[in-house]
Amino acid sequence: LGLNEEFLRYSILICFLIVISIVDYYTMYIYD
């Protein structure tokens, strides 16, 4: 993508998804 708005959105999305996935893996719970 290069350094643009889409890169920023997807990078932050991946960051959130990794946090959610790790928490879900260890606790079987997703925080609202």
ModelCIF file with pLDDT and N, C-alpha, C, O atoms, coordinates in Angstrom:
data_MODEL
#
_entry.id   MODEL 
#
_entity.id                         1 
_entity.type                       polymer 
_entity.pdbx_number_of_molecules   1 
#
_entity_poly.entity_id                      1 
_entity_poly.type                           'polypeptide(L)' 
_entity_poly.nstd_linkage                   no 
_entity_poly.nstd_monomer                   no 
_entity_poly.pdbx_seq_one_letter_code       LGLNEEFLRYSILICFLIVISIVDYYTMYIYD 
_entity_poly.pdbx_seq_one_letter_code_can   LGLNEEFLRYSILICFLIVISIVDYYTMYIYD 
_entity_poly.pdbx_strand_id                 A 
#
loop_
_entity_poly_seq.entity_id 
_entity_poly_seq.num 
_entity_poly_seq.mon_id 
_entity_poly_seq.hetero 
1 1  LEU n 
1 2  GLY n 
1 3  LEU n 
1 4  ASN n 
1 5  GLU n 
1 6  GLU n 
1 7  PHE n 
1 8  LEU n 
1 9  ARG n 
1 10 TYR n 
1 11 SER n 
1 12 ILE n 
1 13 LEU n 
1 14 ILE n 
1 15 CYS n 
1 16 PHE n 
1 17 LEU n 
1 18 ILE n 
1 19 VAL n 
1 20 ILE n 
1 21 SER n 
1 22 ILE n 
1 23 VAL n 
1 24 ASP n 
1 25 TYR n 
1 26 TYR n 
1 27 THR n 
1 28 MET n 
1 29 TYR n 
1 30 ILE n 
1 31 TYR n 
1 32 ASP n 
#
_struct_asym.id          A 
_struct_asym.entity_id   1 
#
loop_
_ma_qa_metric.id 
_ma_qa_metric.mode 
_ma_qa_metric.name 
_ma_qa_metric.software_group_id 
_ma_qa_metric.type 
1 global pLDDT . pLDDT 
2 local  pLDDT . pLDDT 
#
_ma_qa_metric_global.metric_id      1 
_ma_qa_metric_global.metric_value   91.28 
_ma_qa_metric_global.model_id       1 
_ma_qa_metric_global.ordinal_id     1 
#
loop_
_ma_qa_metric_local.label_asym_id 
_ma_qa_metric_local.label_comp_id 
_ma_qa_metric_local.label_seq_id 
_ma_qa_metric_local.metric_id 
_ma_qa_metric_local.metric_value 
_ma_qa_metric_local.model_id 
_ma_qa_metric_local.ordinal_id 
A LEU 1  2 90.00 1 1  
A GLY 2  2 89.00 1 2  
A LEU 3  2 87.00 1 3  
A ASN 4  2 90.00 1 4  
A GLU 5  2 89.00 1 5  
A GLU 6  2 91.00 1 6  
A PHE 7  2 92.00 1 7  
A LEU 8  2 92.00 1 8  
A ARG 9  2 93.00 1 9  
A TYR 10 2 95.00 1 10 
A SER 11 2 94.00 1 11 
A ILE 12 2 94.00 1 12 
A LEU 13 2 95.00 1 13 
A ILE 14 2 95.00 1 14 
A CYS 15 2 94.00 1 15 
A PHE 16 2 95.00 1 16 
A LEU 17 2 95.00 1 17 
A ILE 18 2 93.00 1 18 
A VAL 19 2 92.00 1 19 
A ILE 20 2 94.00 1 20 
A SER 21 2 93.00 1 21 
A ILE 22 2 90.00 1 22 
A VAL 23 2 90.00 1 23 
A ASP 24 2 91.00 1 24 
A TYR 25 2 88.00 1 25 
A TYR 26 2 86.00 1 26 
A THR 27 2 87.00 1 27 
A MET 28 2 87.00 1 28 
A TYR 29 2 89.00 1 29 
A ILE 30 2 91.00 1 30 
A TYR 31 2 90.00 1 31 
A ASP 32 2 90.00 1 32 
#
loop_
_atom_site.group_PDB 
_atom_site.id 
_atom_site.type_symbol 
_atom_site.label_atom_id 
_atom_site.label_alt_id 
_atom_site.label_comp_id 
_atom_site.label_asym_id 
_atom_site.label_entity_id 
_atom_site.label_seq_id 
_atom_site.pdbx_PDB_ins_code 
_atom_site.Cartn_x 
_atom_site.Cartn_y 
_atom_site.Cartn_z 
_atom_site.occupancy 
_atom_site.B_iso_or_equiv 
_atom_site.pdbx_formal_charge 
_atom_site.auth_seq_id 
_atom_site.auth_comp_id 
_atom_site.auth_asym_id 
_atom_site.auth_atom_id 
_atom_site.pdbx_PDB_model_num 
ATOM 1   N N  . LEU A 1 1  ? 0.784   -1.234  0.000  1.00 90.00 ? 1  LEU A N  1 
ATOM 2   C CA . LEU A 1 1  ? 0.000   0.000   0.000  1.00 90.00 ? 1  LEU A CA 1 
ATOM 3   C C  . LEU A 1 1  ? 0.815   1.284   0.000  1.00 90.00 ? 1  LEU A C  1 
ATOM 4   O O  . LEU A 1 1  ? 0.319   2.321   -0.441 1.00 90.00 ? 1  LEU A O  1 
ATOM 5   N N  . GLY A 1 2  ? 2.057   1.243   0.484  1.00 89.00 ? 2  GLY A N  1 
ATOM 6   C CA . GLY A 1 2  ? 2.814   2.469   0.714  1.00 89.00 ? 2  GLY A CA 1 
ATOM 7   C C  . GLY A 1 2  ? 2.357   3.112   2.011  1.00 89.00 ? 2  GLY A C  1 
ATOM 8   O O  . GLY A 1 2  ? 1.506   2.566   2.713  1.00 89.00 ? 2  GLY A O  1 
ATOM 9   N N  . LEU A 1 3  ? 2.911   4.255   2.327  1.00 87.00 ? 3  LEU A N  1 
ATOM 10  C CA . LEU A 1 3  ? 2.510   4.969   3.540  1.00 87.00 ? 3  LEU A CA 1 
ATOM 11  C C  . LEU A 1 3  ? 1.328   5.871   3.218  1.00 87.00 ? 3  LEU A C  1 
ATOM 12  O O  . LEU A 1 3  ? 1.502   6.998   2.755  1.00 87.00 ? 3  LEU A O  1 
ATOM 13  N N  . ASN A 1 4  ? 0.140   5.371   3.463  1.00 90.00 ? 4  ASN A N  1 
ATOM 14  C CA . ASN A 1 4  ? -1.063  6.145   3.180  1.00 90.00 ? 4  ASN A CA 1 
ATOM 15  C C  . ASN A 1 4  ? -2.137  5.852   4.228  1.00 90.00 ? 4  ASN A C  1 
ATOM 16  O O  . ASN A 1 4  ? -1.883  5.178   5.227  1.00 90.00 ? 4  ASN A O  1 
ATOM 17  N N  . GLU A 1 5  ? -3.324  6.365   3.982  1.00 89.00 ? 5  GLU A N  1 
ATOM 18  C CA . GLU A 1 5  ? -4.432  6.216   4.932  1.00 89.00 ? 5  GLU A CA 1 
ATOM 19  C C  . GLU A 1 5  ? -4.825  4.751   5.104  1.00 89.00 ? 5  GLU A C  1 
ATOM 20  O O  . GLU A 1 5  ? -5.135  4.316   6.213  1.00 89.00 ? 5  GLU A O  1 
ATOM 21  N N  . GLU A 1 6  ? -4.813  3.998   4.017  1.00 91.00 ? 6  GLU A N  1 
ATOM 22  C CA . GLU A 1 6  ? -5.180  2.584   4.093  1.00 91.00 ? 6  GLU A CA 1 
ATOM 23  C C  . GLU A 1 6  ? -4.153  1.798   4.915  1.00 91.00 ? 6  GLU A C  1 
ATOM 24  O O  . GLU A 1 6  ? -4.517  0.923   5.701  1.00 91.00 ? 6  GLU A O  1 
ATOM 25  N N  . PHE A 1 7  ? -2.891  2.112   4.729  1.00 92.00 ? 7  PHE A N  1 
ATOM 26  C CA . PHE A 1 7  ? -1.834  1.487   5.528  1.00 92.00 ? 7  PHE A CA 1 
ATOM 27  C C  . PHE A 1 7  ? -2.059  1.754   7.014  1.00 92.00 ? 7  PHE A C  1 
ATOM 28  O O  . PHE A 1 7  ? -1.930  0.849   7.839  1.00 92.00 ? 7  PHE A O  1 
ATOM 29  N N  . LEU A 1 8  ? -2.393  2.988   7.349  1.00 92.00 ? 8  LEU A N  1 
ATOM 30  C CA . LEU A 1 8  ? -2.634  3.351   8.751  1.00 92.00 ? 8  LEU A CA 1 
ATOM 31  C C  . LEU A 1 8  ? -3.838  2.596   9.310  1.00 92.00 ? 8  LEU A C  1 
ATOM 32  O O  . LEU A 1 8  ? -3.760  2.039   10.405 1.00 92.00 ? 8  LEU A O  1 
ATOM 33  N N  . ARG A 1 9  ? -4.947  2.569   8.576  1.00 93.00 ? 9  ARG A N  1 
ATOM 34  C CA . ARG A 1 9  ? -6.150  1.873   9.044  1.00 93.00 ? 9  ARG A CA 1 
ATOM 35  C C  . ARG A 1 9  ? -5.898  0.389   9.252  1.00 93.00 ? 9  ARG A C  1 
ATOM 36  O O  . ARG A 1 9  ? -6.265  -0.172  10.285 1.00 93.00 ? 9  ARG A O  1 
ATOM 37  N N  . TYR A 1 10 ? -5.263  -0.251  8.259  1.00 95.00 ? 10 TYR A N  1 
ATOM 38  C CA . TYR A 1 10 ? -5.028  -1.685  8.356  1.00 95.00 ? 10 TYR A CA 1 
ATOM 39  C C  . TYR A 1 10 ? -4.021  -2.024  9.456  1.00 95.00 ? 10 TYR A C  1 
ATOM 40  O O  . TYR A 1 10 ? -4.177  -3.031  10.146 1.00 95.00 ? 10 TYR A O  1 
ATOM 41  N N  . SER A 1 11 ? -3.002  -1.202  9.623  1.00 94.00 ? 11 SER A N  1 
ATOM 42  C CA . SER A 1 11 ? -2.011  -1.444  10.683 1.00 94.00 ? 11 SER A CA 1 
ATOM 43  C C  . SER A 1 11 ? -2.669  -1.392  12.054 1.00 94.00 ? 11 SER A C  1 
ATOM 44  O O  . SER A 1 11 ? -2.418  -2.248  12.903 1.00 94.00 ? 11 SER A O  1 
ATOM 45  N N  . ILE A 1 12 ? -3.501  -0.396  12.267 1.00 94.00 ? 12 ILE A N  1 
ATOM 46  C CA . ILE A 1 12 ? -4.183  -0.267  13.560 1.00 94.00 ? 12 ILE A CA 1 
ATOM 47  C C  . ILE A 1 12 ? -5.199  -1.390  13.736 1.00 94.00 ? 12 ILE A C  1 
ATOM 48  O O  . ILE A 1 12 ? -5.348  -1.923  14.836 1.00 94.00 ? 12 ILE A O  1 
ATOM 49  N N  . LEU A 1 13 ? -5.900  -1.755  12.661 1.00 95.00 ? 13 LEU A N  1 
ATOM 50  C CA . LEU A 1 13 ? -6.840  -2.875  12.741 1.00 95.00 ? 13 LEU A CA 1 
ATOM 51  C C  . LEU A 1 13 ? -6.122  -4.159  13.153 1.00 95.00 ? 13 LEU A C  1 
ATOM 52  O O  . LEU A 1 13 ? -6.596  -4.885  14.027 1.00 95.00 ? 13 LEU A O  1 
ATOM 53  N N  . ILE A 1 14 ? -4.995  -4.435  12.532 1.00 95.00 ? 14 ILE A N  1 
ATOM 54  C CA . ILE A 1 14 ? -4.228  -5.645  12.854 1.00 95.00 ? 14 ILE A CA 1 
ATOM 55  C C  . ILE A 1 14 ? -3.776  -5.622  14.305 1.00 95.00 ? 14 ILE A C  1 
ATOM 56  O O  . ILE A 1 14 ? -3.800  -6.649  14.983 1.00 95.00 ? 14 ILE A O  1 
ATOM 57  N N  . CYS A 1 15 ? -3.365  -4.459  14.780 1.00 94.00 ? 15 CYS A N  1 
ATOM 58  C CA . CYS A 1 15 ? -2.961  -4.299  16.182 1.00 94.00 ? 15 CYS A CA 1 
ATOM 59  C C  . CYS A 1 15 ? -4.120  -4.673  17.106 1.00 94.00 ? 15 CYS A C  1 
ATOM 60  O O  . CYS A 1 15 ? -3.935  -5.446  18.046 1.00 94.00 ? 15 CYS A O  1 
ATOM 61  N N  . PHE A 1 16 ? -5.305  -4.134  16.850 1.00 95.00 ? 16 PHE A N  1 
ATOM 62  C CA . PHE A 1 16 ? -6.482  -4.456  17.654 1.00 95.00 ? 16 PHE A CA 1 
ATOM 63  C C  . PHE A 1 16 ? -6.821  -5.945  17.566 1.00 95.00 ? 16 PHE A C  1 
ATOM 64  O O  . PHE A 1 16 ? -7.108  -6.584  18.579 1.00 95.00 ? 16 PHE A O  1 
ATOM 65  N N  . LEU A 1 17 ? -6.786  -6.490  16.351 1.00 95.00 ? 17 LEU A N  1 
ATOM 66  C CA . LEU A 1 17 ? -7.157  -7.892  16.167 1.00 95.00 ? 17 LEU A CA 1 
ATOM 67  C C  . LEU A 1 17 ? -6.197  -8.848  16.866 1.00 95.00 ? 17 LEU A C  1 
ATOM 68  O O  . LEU A 1 17 ? -6.616  -9.889  17.373 1.00 95.00 ? 17 LEU A O  1 
ATOM 69  N N  . ILE A 1 18 ? -4.929  -8.504  16.893 1.00 93.00 ? 18 ILE A N  1 
ATOM 70  C CA . ILE A 1 18 ? -3.965  -9.363  17.591 1.00 93.00 ? 18 ILE A CA 1 
ATOM 71  C C  . ILE A 1 18 ? -4.222  -9.338  19.090 1.00 93.00 ? 18 ILE A C  1 
ATOM 72  O O  . ILE A 1 18 ? -4.175  -10.380 19.743 1.00 93.00 ? 18 ILE A O  1 
ATOM 73  N N  . VAL A 1 19 ? -4.492  -8.159  19.642 1.00 92.00 ? 19 VAL A N  1 
ATOM 74  C CA . VAL A 1 19 ? -4.832  -8.071  21.074 1.00 92.00 ? 19 VAL A CA 1 
ATOM 75  C C  . VAL A 1 19 ? -6.080  -8.902  21.361 1.00 92.00 ? 19 VAL A C  1 
ATOM 76  O O  . VAL A 1 19 ? -6.095  -9.697  22.300 1.00 92.00 ? 19 VAL A O  1 
ATOM 77  N N  . ILE A 1 20 ? -7.123  -8.719  20.557 1.00 94.00 ? 20 ILE A N  1 
ATOM 78  C CA . ILE A 1 20 ? -8.380  -9.451  20.748 1.00 94.00 ? 20 ILE A CA 1 
ATOM 79  C C  . ILE A 1 20 ? -8.141  -10.957 20.628 1.00 94.00 ? 20 ILE A C  1 
ATOM 80  O O  . ILE A 1 20 ? -8.680  -11.736 21.415 1.00 94.00 ? 20 ILE A O  1 
ATOM 81  N N  . SER A 1 21 ? -7.338  -11.368 19.649 1.00 93.00 ? 21 SER A N  1 
ATOM 82  C CA . SER A 1 21 ? -7.088  -12.791 19.425 1.00 93.00 ? 21 SER A CA 1 
ATOM 83  C C  . SER A 1 21 ? -6.318  -13.427 20.577 1.00 93.00 ? 21 SER A C  1 
ATOM 84  O O  . SER A 1 21 ? -6.633  -14.540 20.998 1.00 93.00 ? 21 SER A O  1 
ATOM 85  N N  . ILE A 1 22 ? -5.318  -12.728 21.085 1.00 90.00 ? 22 ILE A N  1 
ATOM 86  C CA . ILE A 1 22 ? -4.540  -13.266 22.201 1.00 90.00 ? 22 ILE A CA 1 
ATOM 87  C C  . ILE A 1 22 ? -5.421  -13.409 23.436 1.00 90.00 ? 22 ILE A C  1 
ATOM 88  O O  . ILE A 1 22 ? -5.392  -14.435 24.116 1.00 90.00 ? 22 ILE A O  1 
ATOM 89  N N  . VAL A 1 23 ? -6.202  -12.372 23.719 1.00 90.00 ? 23 VAL A N  1 
ATOM 90  C CA . VAL A 1 23 ? -7.091  -12.423 24.889 1.00 90.00 ? 23 VAL A CA 1 
ATOM 91  C C  . VAL A 1 23 ? -8.123  -13.540 24.715 1.00 90.00 ? 23 VAL A C  1 
ATOM 92  O O  . VAL A 1 23 ? -8.401  -14.282 25.657 1.00 90.00 ? 23 VAL A O  1 
ATOM 93  N N  . ASP A 1 24 ? -8.689  -13.659 23.515 1.00 91.00 ? 24 ASP A N  1 
ATOM 94  C CA . ASP A 1 24 ? -9.673  -14.714 23.250 1.00 91.00 ? 24 ASP A CA 1 
ATOM 95  C C  . ASP A 1 24 ? -9.039  -16.097 23.388 1.00 91.00 ? 24 ASP A C  1 
ATOM 96  O O  . ASP A 1 24 ? -9.663  -17.009 23.930 1.00 91.00 ? 24 ASP A O  1 
ATOM 97  N N  . TYR A 1 25 ? -7.824  -16.261 22.911 1.00 88.00 ? 25 TYR A N  1 
ATOM 98  C CA . TYR A 1 25 ? -7.129  -17.550 22.978 1.00 88.00 ? 25 TYR A CA 1 
ATOM 99  C C  . TYR A 1 25 ? -6.910  -17.983 24.431 1.00 88.00 ? 25 TYR A C  1 
ATOM 100 O O  . TYR A 1 25 ? -7.106  -19.149 24.773 1.00 88.00 ? 25 TYR A O  1 
ATOM 101 N N  . TYR A 1 26 ? -6.504  -17.037 25.277 1.00 86.00 ? 26 TYR A N  1 
ATOM 102 C CA . TYR A 1 26 ? -6.187  -17.376 26.661 1.00 86.00 ? 26 TYR A CA 1 
ATOM 103 C C  . TYR A 1 26 ? -7.407  -17.393 27.577 1.00 86.00 ? 26 TYR A C  1 
ATOM 104 O O  . TYR A 1 26 ? -7.427  -18.143 28.553 1.00 86.00 ? 26 TYR A O  1 
ATOM 105 N N  . THR A 1 27 ? -8.426  -16.580 27.282 1.00 87.00 ? 27 THR A N  1 
ATOM 106 C CA . THR A 1 27 ? -9.546  -16.446 28.224 1.00 87.00 ? 27 THR A CA 1 
ATOM 107 C C  . THR A 1 27 ? -10.893 -16.886 27.643 1.00 87.00 ? 27 THR A C  1 
ATOM 108 O O  . THR A 1 27 ? -11.864 -17.029 28.386 1.00 87.00 ? 27 THR A O  1 
ATOM 109 N N  . MET A 1 28 ? -10.965 -17.102 26.313 1.00 87.00 ? 28 MET A N  1 
ATOM 110 C CA . MET A 1 28 ? -12.230 -17.386 25.622 1.00 87.00 ? 28 MET A CA 1 
ATOM 111 C C  . MET A 1 28 ? -13.234 -16.251 25.853 1.00 87.00 ? 28 MET A C  1 
ATOM 112 O O  . MET A 1 28 ? -14.439 -16.486 25.953 1.00 87.00 ? 28 MET A O  1 
ATOM 113 N N  . TYR A 1 29 ? -12.720 -15.022 25.937 1.00 89.00 ? 29 TYR A N  1 
ATOM 114 C CA . TYR A 1 29 ? -13.584 -13.865 26.166 1.00 89.00 ? 29 TYR A CA 1 
ATOM 115 C C  . TYR A 1 29 ? -13.107 -12.704 25.296 1.00 89.00 ? 29 TYR A C  1 
ATOM 116 O O  . TYR A 1 29 ? -11.907 -12.522 25.090 1.00 89.00 ? 29 TYR A O  1 
ATOM 117 N N  . ILE A 1 30 ? -14.058 -11.921 24.791 1.00 91.00 ? 30 ILE A N  1 
ATOM 118 C CA . ILE A 1 30 ? -13.737 -10.738 23.996 1.00 91.00 ? 30 ILE A CA 1 
ATOM 119 C C  . ILE A 1 30 ? -14.318 -9.531  24.714 1.00 91.00 ? 30 ILE A C  1 
ATOM 120 O O  . ILE A 1 30 ? -15.523 -9.471  24.959 1.00 91.00 ? 30 ILE A O  1 
ATOM 121 N N  . TYR A 1 31 ? -13.472 -8.577  25.049 1.00 90.00 ? 31 TYR A N  1 
ATOM 122 C CA . TYR A 1 31 ? -13.906 -7.389  25.776 1.00 90.00 ? 31 TYR A CA 1 
ATOM 123 C C  . TYR A 1 31 ? -14.548 -6.386  24.820 1.00 90.00 ? 31 TYR A C  1 
ATOM 124 O O  . TYR A 1 31 ? -13.989 -6.067  23.770 1.00 90.00 ? 31 TYR A O  1 
ATOM 125 N N  . ASP A 1 32 ? -15.724 -5.896  25.197 1.00 90.00 ? 32 ASP A N  1 
ATOM 126 C CA . ASP A 1 32 ? -16.434 -4.915  24.367 1.00 90.00 ? 32 ASP A CA 1 
ATOM 127 C C  . ASP A 1 32 ? -15.628 -3.639  24.188 1.00 90.00 ? 32 ASP A C  1 
ATOM 128 O O  . ASP A 1 32 ? -16.081 -2.712  23.517 1.00 90.00 ? 32 ASP A O  1 
#
